[in-house]
Amino acid sequence: MAVSFPVAGSFSAFSTRFIDPAWGFASGWNYALQWLFVMPLEIMAASITLEFWNLPIPGWASITIFLGLTIAINLSGVKFYGEAEYCFSIMKVTAVIGFIILGAVINCGGGPDSGYIGGRYWADPGAFNDGFKGFCNILITAAFSFSGTELVGLAAAETHNPSRALPTAIKQVFWRIAIFYVVSITIVGLLVPYDSTELIDTNDVDSKASPFIIAIRDAGIQGLDSVMNAVVMISVLSVANSAMYGATRTLSALAEQGQAPRALAYVDRRGRPLVAILVASLCGLVSYLYVSPVRGTAFNWLLALSGLSSIFTWTSICYAHIVFRRAWISQGQPLSSLIYRSPIGATGSYIGFISLILILVAQFWVAIFPSGGYGDETTSERLVDFFELCLAVPVVLLFYGGYKWWYRTKWIRIQDVDLRTGRNEFESEWVRERWREDRTAWPRWKKVYKIMC
């Protein structure tokens, strides 16, 4: 969709066009709010990692430095933002690959103190804390960790050559998730038992509680824990940087569609949505809660606001793609005319949509019947626990219901879906055919590589 319609706002615009303007409004604001609150959350996390070295830097000073750096990068334009993220990514990828190799060595007994570990911690205390319910209980945190991959589509409107750049970026995102996320988490699960006393608990924040650092320290390796902590700090600052980018572009796109104050649509000659950046910067001041007595509680509520938001975002993306494909065929357009087709087509979107609905159901289940029961909790404490898991749900429903009631919008019928406005027609069929012809001269290894990456 992003390649065929490289429009501002990407998936929120697709929800408005293919599903329902009210749902586009709700999903767009849900996404904007997600990143508006993720940014201060990550600024707080960066300050927490700084505590690892016991430096004589006040918390307010570290918050100011990190927040100022994030704002400065986003004010420098999309080109500088891309260069900064490229540098951050090189450091993160190098560190994660190094950790995966080191983790495998430690697991096989190569550490000074650990000895052979193997699958010891998967047997005792076990791979899953509290079984299936414990697995469901952590889905909100996992969803939060995976959010951000959709930023590839959000950048479509600012991409010079979307039909070539986006497919490559999309494939690379898949491999990054498959290798860097899944493999590194598997290694961490093998090296750190879930009942480790060094891991954080509810309302607790600790710079020394990163499982990567715990794994290195338990193996008796000196000095490397500081290196890994520096990488963690760079990673969370990268997320804060991406959060401001995602929030400002979404706010600007919502304003262009008439779903936000018109002033937010202002973009200067360098392509910077200055008013949206100002709004995001003001929201970044929330990160100063880090120096207050409620920093642990504030951290949890910011996570609650953003956790399920990514589930709603990807549910909207999957359903919009299903409707888009149906409308494309219904209106007599052959699939071969699509500039880029998903390798698994609409089937992947159906699988994703159903899976995400099941995750929402599981989240409600553990919110109503929490792992370990309620114990001696009062009614107010139970409500707090519930909304820490499901806070995004009433927010989305409020935006959707309010817009639906005020504007009396209707769900878009397949035959009424607009497949013309904003369509990518500047990259002519002749140009794309020339690219396809150029591939015939490629060696076999390059063809395989381009299919995969």
Protein backbone atom coordinates (compact mmCIF):
# COMPACT_ATOMS: atom_id res chain seq x y z
CA MET A 1 0.00 0.00 0.00
CA ALA A 2 2.80 2.40 0.91
CA VAL A 3 4.50 1.84 -2.45
CA SER A 4 1.28 2.23 -4.45
CA PHE A 5 0.14 5.25 -2.40
CA PRO A 6 3.18 7.05 -0.92
CA VAL A 7 1.02 9.58 0.94
CA ALA A 8 1.61 11.42 4.20
CA GLY A 9 0.31 9.55 7.20
CA SER A 10 0.57 6.14 5.55
CA PHE A 11 -1.49 3.65 7.57
CA SER A 12 -3.74 6.22 9.29
CA ALA A 13 -4.52 7.59 5.83
CA PHE A 14 -5.14 4.04 4.59
CA SER A 15 -7.58 3.40 7.46
CA THR A 16 -9.44 6.58 6.54
CA ARG A 17 -9.53 5.66 2.86
CA PHE A 18 -10.15 1.90 2.99
CA ILE A 19 -12.01 1.27 6.29
CA ASP A 20 -13.80 4.24 7.91
CA PRO A 21 -12.79 7.89 8.42
CA ALA A 22 -13.68 7.51 12.11
CA TRP A 23 -11.34 4.55 12.47
CA GLY A 24 -8.65 6.43 10.54
CA PHE A 25 -9.05 9.29 13.02
CA ALA A 26 -8.90 6.93 16.01
CA SER A 27 -5.97 4.85 14.73
CA GLY A 28 -4.07 7.97 13.65
CA TRP A 29 -4.40 9.67 17.03
CA ASN A 30 -3.73 6.38 18.78
CA TYR A 31 -0.47 6.11 16.84
CA ALA A 32 0.46 9.75 17.41
CA LEU A 33 -0.20 9.48 21.15
CA GLN A 34 1.76 6.24 21.28
CA TRP A 35 4.91 7.94 20.01
CA LEU A 36 4.27 11.18 21.89
CA PHE A 37 4.46 9.20 25.14
CA VAL A 38 7.10 6.70 24.02
CA MET A 39 9.55 9.57 23.53
CA PRO A 40 9.60 10.71 27.20
CA LEU A 41 9.52 7.05 28.22
CA GLU A 42 12.70 6.36 26.29
CA ILE A 43 14.34 9.58 27.50
CA MET A 44 13.68 8.33 31.05
CA ALA A 45 15.09 4.92 30.12
CA ALA A 46 18.27 6.55 28.75
CA SER A 47 18.73 8.42 32.03
CA ILE A 48 18.24 5.18 33.94
CA THR A 49 20.99 3.50 31.92
CA LEU A 50 23.29 6.41 32.75
CA GLU A 51 22.97 5.53 36.44
CA PHE A 52 24.92 2.34 35.75
CA TRP A 53 28.23 4.23 35.93
CA ASN A 54 27.34 6.18 39.11
CA LEU A 55 28.32 9.45 37.45
CA PRO A 56 27.83 12.71 39.40
CA ILE A 57 25.24 13.93 36.87
CA PRO A 58 21.84 15.05 38.24
CA GLY A 59 18.82 13.35 36.75
CA TRP A 60 17.39 16.62 35.45
CA ALA A 61 20.65 17.34 33.63
CA SER A 62 20.71 13.98 31.82
CA ILE A 63 17.04 14.40 30.86
CA THR A 64 17.79 17.87 29.45
CA ILE A 65 20.77 16.63 27.43
CA PHE A 66 18.96 13.62 25.94
CA LEU A 67 15.76 15.57 25.21
CA GLY A 68 17.73 18.40 23.62
CA LEU A 69 19.66 15.94 21.44
CA THR A 70 16.45 14.28 20.24
CA ILE A 71 14.83 17.60 19.37
CA ALA A 72 17.97 18.82 17.60
CA ILE A 73 18.17 15.73 15.37
CA ASN A 74 14.52 16.09 14.31
CA LEU A 75 14.95 19.81 13.65
CA SER A 76 17.88 19.06 11.36
CA GLY A 77 15.68 17.61 8.62
CA VAL A 78 14.88 14.12 7.36
CA LYS A 79 18.29 13.62 5.71
CA PHE A 80 20.21 14.22 8.94
CA TYR A 81 17.66 12.12 10.82
CA GLY A 82 18.30 9.24 8.43
CA GLU A 83 22.07 9.59 8.77
CA ALA A 84 21.80 9.60 12.58
CA GLU A 85 19.59 6.50 12.57
CA TYR A 86 22.00 4.81 10.17
CA CYS A 87 24.87 5.37 12.61
CA PHE A 88 22.77 4.22 15.55
CA SER A 89 21.76 1.10 13.63
CA ILE A 90 25.34 0.14 12.78
CA MET A 91 26.29 0.29 16.46
CA LYS A 92 23.19 -1.65 17.56
CA VAL A 93 23.56 -4.35 14.90
CA THR A 94 27.26 -4.81 15.66
CA ALA A 95 26.57 -5.08 19.39
CA VAL A 96 23.68 -7.53 18.99
CA ILE A 97 25.67 -9.80 16.66
CA GLY A 98 28.53 -9.69 19.15
CA PHE A 99 26.20 -10.54 22.02
CA ILE A 100 24.65 -13.46 20.12
CA ILE A 101 28.11 -14.93 19.50
CA LEU A 102 29.21 -14.23 23.08
CA GLY A 103 25.95 -15.66 24.46
CA ALA A 104 26.44 -18.89 22.51
CA VAL A 105 29.99 -19.15 23.88
CA ILE A 106 28.82 -18.50 27.47
CA ASN A 107 26.00 -21.01 27.10
CA CYS A 108 28.46 -23.67 25.98
CA GLY A 109 30.70 -23.04 28.98
CA GLY A 110 33.12 -20.52 27.55
CA GLY A 111 32.66 -17.96 30.35
CA PRO A 112 35.17 -17.64 33.23
CA ASP A 113 32.63 -18.51 35.96
CA SER A 114 29.43 -19.85 34.41
CA GLY A 115 30.37 -23.33 33.19
CA TYR A 116 28.11 -25.20 30.77
CA ILE A 117 24.51 -23.88 30.92
CA GLY A 118 22.70 -25.37 27.91
CA GLY A 119 18.97 -25.58 28.59
CA ARG A 120 19.36 -25.65 32.37
CA TYR A 121 17.16 -22.60 33.02
CA TRP A 122 14.49 -23.83 30.64
CA ALA A 123 14.15 -26.90 32.85
CA ASP A 124 14.53 -25.12 36.21
CA PRO A 125 12.80 -22.73 36.87
CA GLY A 126 11.34 -23.25 33.37
CA ALA A 127 10.99 -21.46 30.06
CA PHE A 128 7.72 -19.69 30.97
CA ASN A 129 6.86 -18.01 34.25
CA ASP A 130 3.36 -19.15 35.30
CA GLY A 131 2.83 -21.13 32.09
CA PHE A 132 0.48 -19.94 29.38
CA LYS A 133 -1.07 -17.16 31.47
CA GLY A 134 2.38 -15.79 32.23
CA PHE A 135 3.13 -15.88 28.50
CA CYS A 136 -0.05 -13.88 27.77
CA ASN A 137 0.75 -11.48 30.59
CA ILE A 138 3.95 -10.30 28.92
CA LEU A 139 2.46 -9.80 25.44
CA ILE A 140 1.92 -6.06 26.03
CA THR A 141 5.64 -5.60 26.71
CA ALA A 142 6.53 -7.69 23.67
CA ALA A 143 4.15 -5.65 21.50
CA PHE A 144 5.77 -2.46 22.75
CA SER A 145 9.23 -3.83 21.92
CA PHE A 146 8.23 -4.71 18.35
CA SER A 147 6.56 -1.36 17.64
CA GLY A 148 8.42 0.87 15.23
CA THR A 149 8.82 -1.53 12.33
CA GLU A 150 5.89 0.22 10.63
CA LEU A 151 7.91 3.45 10.40
CA VAL A 152 9.15 2.14 7.05
CA GLY A 153 5.70 2.82 5.61
CA LEU A 154 5.43 6.18 7.35
CA ALA A 155 8.55 7.38 5.55
CA ALA A 156 7.06 6.58 2.12
CA ALA A 157 5.90 10.13 1.48
CA GLU A 158 9.46 11.42 2.03
CA THR A 159 11.16 8.70 -0.02
CA HIS A 160 12.58 9.74 -3.38
CA ASN A 161 12.09 6.37 -5.06
CA PRO A 162 9.50 4.36 -3.04
CA SER A 163 9.06 1.52 -5.52
CA ARG A 164 12.74 0.55 -5.15
CA ALA A 165 13.61 1.75 -1.64
CA LEU A 166 10.58 0.50 0.33
CA PRO A 167 10.57 -3.18 -0.76
CA THR A 168 14.26 -3.46 0.20
CA ALA A 169 13.63 -1.77 3.55
CA ILE A 170 10.61 -3.99 4.25
CA LYS A 171 12.59 -7.18 3.60
CA GLN A 172 15.42 -5.97 5.82
CA VAL A 173 12.99 -5.27 8.65
CA PHE A 174 11.83 -8.90 8.48
CA TRP A 175 15.37 -10.24 8.78
CA ARG A 176 16.20 -7.84 11.59
CA ILE A 177 13.24 -9.14 13.57
CA ALA A 178 13.99 -12.77 12.75
CA ILE A 179 17.69 -12.55 13.62
CA PHE A 180 18.26 -9.72 16.04
CA TYR A 181 15.01 -9.89 18.03
CA VAL A 182 14.20 -13.58 18.13
CA VAL A 183 17.73 -14.98 18.34
CA SER A 184 18.92 -12.46 20.94
CA ILE A 185 15.84 -13.06 23.12
CA THR A 186 16.40 -16.81 22.86
CA ILE A 187 20.00 -16.37 24.00
CA VAL A 188 18.88 -14.17 26.91
CA GLY A 189 16.29 -16.79 27.89
CA LEU A 190 18.99 -19.44 27.97
CA LEU A 191 21.37 -17.36 30.10
CA VAL A 192 19.09 -15.58 32.59
CA PRO A 193 16.41 -17.44 34.60
CA TYR A 194 13.12 -15.59 35.00
CA ASP A 195 13.36 -15.79 38.81
CA SER A 196 16.68 -13.90 38.91
CA THR A 197 16.58 -11.40 41.77
CA GLU A 198 18.40 -8.87 39.59
CA LEU A 199 15.52 -8.50 37.14
CA ILE A 200 13.15 -5.58 37.72
CA ASP A 201 9.75 -5.87 39.36
CA THR A 202 6.59 -3.75 39.09
CA ASN A 203 7.14 -0.04 39.85
CA ASP A 204 10.89 -0.64 39.94
CA VAL A 205 13.54 0.87 37.68
CA ASP A 206 17.17 -0.19 37.79
CA SER A 207 19.98 0.50 35.35
CA LYS A 208 21.69 -2.78 36.26
CA ALA A 209 18.60 -4.90 35.52
CA SER A 210 19.09 -5.32 31.75
CA PRO A 211 19.15 -9.07 31.03
CA PHE A 212 22.03 -8.50 28.61
CA ILE A 213 24.11 -6.99 31.41
CA ILE A 214 23.02 -9.68 33.89
CA ALA A 215 24.08 -12.43 31.46
CA ILE A 216 27.53 -10.88 30.97
CA ARG A 217 28.06 -10.21 34.66
CA ASP A 218 26.93 -13.70 35.75
CA ALA A 219 29.47 -15.17 33.32
CA GLY A 220 32.24 -13.32 35.20
CA ILE A 221 33.30 -11.16 32.24
CA GLN A 222 34.73 -7.85 33.44
CA GLY A 223 34.24 -4.54 31.61
CA LEU A 224 31.96 -5.80 28.86
CA ASP A 225 28.86 -4.97 30.90
CA SER A 226 29.73 -1.26 30.57
CA VAL A 227 30.02 -1.61 26.80
CA MET A 228 26.64 -3.33 26.59
CA ASN A 229 25.06 -0.67 28.81
CA ALA A 230 26.36 2.02 26.44
CA VAL A 231 24.73 0.16 23.54
CA VAL A 232 21.46 -0.06 25.48
CA MET A 233 21.59 3.70 26.07
CA ILE A 234 22.21 4.37 22.36
CA SER A 235 19.33 2.03 21.49
CA VAL A 236 16.77 3.78 23.69
CA LEU A 237 17.91 7.18 22.40
CA SER A 238 17.41 5.85 18.87
CA VAL A 239 13.87 4.84 19.81
CA ALA A 240 13.22 8.30 21.27
CA ASN A 241 14.50 9.82 18.03
CA SER A 242 12.23 7.59 15.94
CA ALA A 243 9.31 8.29 18.30
CA MET A 244 9.52 12.02 17.68
CA TYR A 245 9.76 11.42 13.93
CA GLY A 246 6.73 9.10 13.95
CA ALA A 247 4.64 11.41 16.15
CA THR A 248 5.35 14.58 14.19
CA ARG A 249 4.69 13.02 10.77
CA THR A 250 1.46 11.44 11.99
CA LEU A 251 0.23 14.70 13.53
CA SER A 252 1.06 16.55 10.32
CA ALA A 253 -0.76 13.96 8.21
CA LEU A 254 -3.82 14.05 10.47
CA ALA A 255 -3.93 17.82 10.09
CA GLU A 256 -3.72 17.53 6.30
CA GLN A 257 -6.73 15.19 6.39
CA GLY A 258 -8.68 17.63 8.58
CA GLN A 259 -8.48 15.33 11.61
CA ALA A 260 -6.22 17.58 13.70
CA PRO A 261 -5.72 21.35 14.12
CA ARG A 262 -4.70 22.82 10.77
CA ALA A 263 -1.60 24.49 12.25
CA LEU A 264 -0.01 21.06 12.73
CA ALA A 265 0.11 20.63 8.94
CA TYR A 266 2.65 23.44 8.52
CA VAL A 267 5.84 22.19 6.86
CA ASP A 268 8.73 24.52 6.06
CA ARG A 269 10.88 24.50 2.91
CA ARG A 270 13.20 21.87 4.38
CA GLY A 271 10.30 19.47 4.92
CA ARG A 272 10.16 19.89 8.70
CA PRO A 273 6.71 19.91 10.39
CA LEU A 274 7.78 22.62 12.84
CA VAL A 275 4.51 23.02 14.74
CA ALA A 276 4.21 19.25 15.21
CA ILE A 277 7.83 19.14 16.40
CA LEU A 278 7.01 21.87 18.94
CA VAL A 279 4.04 19.85 20.24
CA ALA A 280 6.16 16.70 20.51
CA SER A 281 8.89 18.65 22.30
CA LEU A 282 6.38 19.90 24.88
CA CYS A 283 5.21 16.31 25.44
CA GLY A 284 8.86 15.40 25.96
CA LEU A 285 8.80 17.48 29.16
CA VAL A 286 6.90 14.58 30.73
CA SER A 287 10.28 12.85 30.98
CA TYR A 288 11.16 15.14 33.89
CA LEU A 289 8.89 12.92 36.00
CA TYR A 290 12.04 10.81 36.18
CA VAL A 291 13.34 13.08 38.98
CA SER A 292 10.05 12.89 40.91
CA PRO A 293 9.12 10.36 43.63
CA VAL A 294 6.65 8.68 41.23
CA ARG A 295 9.14 7.85 38.48
CA GLY A 296 8.46 4.09 38.66
CA THR A 297 4.70 4.61 38.48
CA ALA A 298 5.07 7.19 35.70
CA PHE A 299 7.24 4.73 33.73
CA ASN A 300 4.56 2.03 34.01
CA TRP A 301 1.71 4.34 32.94
CA LEU A 302 3.63 5.64 29.95
CA LEU A 303 4.26 2.02 28.97
CA ALA A 304 0.54 1.26 29.46
CA LEU A 305 -0.42 4.11 27.11
CA SER A 306 1.88 2.88 24.37
CA GLY A 307 1.88 -0.91 24.77
CA LEU A 308 -1.44 -1.95 23.22
CA SER A 309 -1.33 0.97 20.78
CA SER A 310 0.97 -0.99 18.49
CA ILE A 311 -1.54 -3.87 18.46
CA PHE A 312 -4.29 -1.50 17.26
CA THR A 313 -1.93 -0.01 14.68
CA TRP A 314 -1.02 -3.35 13.15
CA THR A 315 -4.62 -4.59 13.31
CA SER A 316 -5.57 -1.54 11.25
CA ILE A 317 -2.72 -2.13 8.80
CA CYS A 318 -3.66 -5.80 8.25
CA TYR A 319 -7.37 -5.07 7.80
CA ALA A 320 -6.70 -2.10 5.49
CA HIS A 321 -4.49 -4.33 3.32
CA ILE A 322 -7.25 -6.96 3.13
CA VAL A 323 -9.78 -4.34 2.02
CA PHE A 324 -7.26 -2.80 -0.40
CA ARG A 325 -6.62 -6.14 -2.10
CA ARG A 326 -10.36 -6.91 -2.35
CA ALA A 327 -11.09 -3.45 -3.77
CA TRP A 328 -8.21 -3.70 -6.23
CA ILE A 329 -9.60 -6.94 -7.70
CA SER A 330 -13.25 -5.84 -7.43
CA GLN A 331 -12.57 -2.68 -9.43
CA GLY A 332 -10.97 -4.65 -12.27
CA GLN A 333 -7.32 -4.01 -11.45
CA PRO A 334 -4.98 -6.99 -12.02
CA LEU A 335 -2.59 -7.81 -9.19
CA SER A 336 0.24 -7.72 -11.71
CA SER A 337 -0.27 -3.94 -11.99
CA LEU A 338 0.76 -3.43 -8.37
CA ILE A 339 4.22 -1.91 -8.15
CA TYR A 340 5.07 -4.10 -5.17
CA ARG A 341 3.19 -7.15 -3.90
CA SER A 342 3.55 -8.67 -0.47
CA PRO A 343 5.30 -12.07 -0.80
CA ILE A 344 2.52 -13.74 1.19
CA GLY A 345 -0.29 -11.55 -0.16
CA ALA A 346 -3.56 -11.00 1.65
CA THR A 347 -3.14 -14.38 3.37
CA GLY A 348 -0.44 -12.91 5.57
CA SER A 349 -2.74 -10.03 6.50
CA TYR A 350 -5.53 -12.46 7.44
CA ILE A 351 -3.13 -14.43 9.64
CA GLY A 352 -1.80 -11.23 11.19
CA PHE A 353 -5.28 -9.80 11.79
CA ILE A 354 -6.56 -12.96 13.50
CA SER A 355 -3.39 -13.29 15.57
CA LEU A 356 -3.63 -9.69 16.77
CA ILE A 357 -7.28 -10.13 17.74
CA LEU A 358 -6.29 -13.20 19.76
CA ILE A 359 -3.56 -11.16 21.49
CA LEU A 360 -6.17 -8.54 22.46
CA VAL A 361 -8.44 -11.27 23.82
CA ALA A 362 -5.54 -12.77 25.79
CA GLN A 363 -4.67 -9.33 27.18
CA PHE A 364 -8.23 -8.83 28.44
CA TRP A 365 -8.15 -12.31 29.95
CA VAL A 366 -5.02 -11.70 32.03
CA ALA A 367 -6.22 -8.19 32.91
CA ILE A 368 -9.49 -9.53 34.35
CA PHE A 369 -7.99 -12.74 35.79
CA PRO A 370 -4.36 -11.81 36.51
CA SER A 371 -1.55 -14.26 36.97
CA GLY A 372 -1.32 -15.22 40.63
CA GLY A 373 -4.81 -13.91 41.44
CA TYR A 374 -5.71 -10.68 43.20
CA GLY A 375 -4.48 -11.62 46.66
CA ASP A 376 -5.34 -8.90 49.18
CA GLU A 377 -5.70 -6.12 46.62
CA THR A 378 -8.44 -3.55 47.04
CA THR A 379 -10.92 -2.69 44.28
CA SER A 380 -8.99 0.48 43.38
CA GLU A 381 -5.74 -1.49 43.14
CA ARG A 382 -7.43 -4.02 40.86
CA LEU A 383 -8.65 -1.21 38.59
CA VAL A 384 -5.13 0.21 38.43
CA ASP A 385 -3.75 -3.20 37.44
CA PHE A 386 -6.45 -3.57 34.77
CA PHE A 387 -5.84 -0.19 33.15
CA GLU A 388 -2.07 -0.65 33.23
CA LEU A 389 -2.68 -3.52 30.82
CA CYS A 390 -5.57 -2.13 28.76
CA LEU A 391 -5.38 1.67 28.95
CA ALA A 392 -5.11 2.07 25.17
CA VAL A 393 -8.51 0.39 24.62
CA PRO A 394 -10.75 3.11 26.15
CA VAL A 395 -8.58 5.80 24.53
CA VAL A 396 -9.09 4.33 21.04
CA LEU A 397 -12.82 3.72 21.61
CA LEU A 398 -13.27 7.29 22.86
CA PHE A 399 -11.63 8.76 19.75
CA TYR A 400 -13.54 6.42 17.43
CA GLY A 401 -16.94 6.87 19.08
CA GLY A 402 -16.59 10.64 19.36
CA TYR A 403 -15.64 11.12 15.71
CA LYS A 404 -18.30 8.64 14.57
CA TRP A 405 -21.02 10.40 16.55
CA TRP A 406 -20.00 13.91 15.46
CA TYR A 407 -19.47 13.29 11.73
CA ARG A 408 -21.83 10.31 11.22
CA THR A 409 -19.26 8.48 9.10
CA LYS A 410 -19.89 5.10 7.46
CA TRP A 411 -17.66 2.15 6.74
CA ILE A 412 -16.29 2.29 3.20
CA ARG A 413 -17.84 -0.20 0.79
CA ILE A 414 -15.50 -2.18 -1.45
CA GLN A 415 -16.86 -0.60 -4.63
CA ASP A 416 -16.45 2.90 -3.18
CA VAL A 417 -12.78 2.59 -2.17
CA ASP A 418 -10.68 5.36 -3.76
CA LEU A 419 -7.81 3.78 -5.69
CA ARG A 420 -6.81 6.89 -7.64
CA THR A 421 -5.97 9.75 -5.26
CA GLY A 422 -2.29 9.83 -4.36
CA ARG A 423 -1.48 6.80 -6.49
CA ASN A 424 2.17 6.36 -7.48
CA GLU A 425 2.12 7.24 -11.16
CA PHE A 426 5.33 9.26 -11.43
CA GLU A 427 7.38 6.05 -11.64
CA SER A 428 6.18 4.96 -15.04
CA GLU A 429 5.70 1.39 -16.18
CA TRP A 430 8.54 1.94 -18.66
CA VAL A 431 10.95 2.78 -15.83
CA ARG A 432 9.89 -0.25 -13.79
CA GLU A 433 10.16 -2.49 -16.86
CA ARG A 434 13.71 -1.24 -17.41
CA TRP A 435 14.57 -2.22 -13.83
CA ARG A 436 13.13 -5.68 -14.42
CA GLU A 437 15.15 -6.06 -17.62
CA ASP A 438 18.33 -5.01 -15.83
CA ARG A 439 17.87 -7.93 -13.43
CA THR A 440 18.21 -10.49 -16.20
CA ALA A 441 21.93 -9.73 -16.36
CA TRP A 442 22.44 -10.28 -12.64
CA PRO A 443 24.38 -13.37 -11.43
CA ARG A 444 22.35 -16.00 -9.58
CA TRP A 445 23.67 -15.05 -6.11
CA LYS A 446 22.52 -11.46 -6.58
CA LYS A 447 19.05 -12.55 -7.69
CA VAL A 448 18.70 -14.75 -4.58
CA TYR A 449 19.98 -11.94 -2.36
CA LYS A 450 17.52 -9.42 -3.82
CA ILE A 451 14.62 -11.84 -3.36
CA MET A 452 15.55 -12.28 0.32
CA CYS A 453 16.78 -8.76 1.06
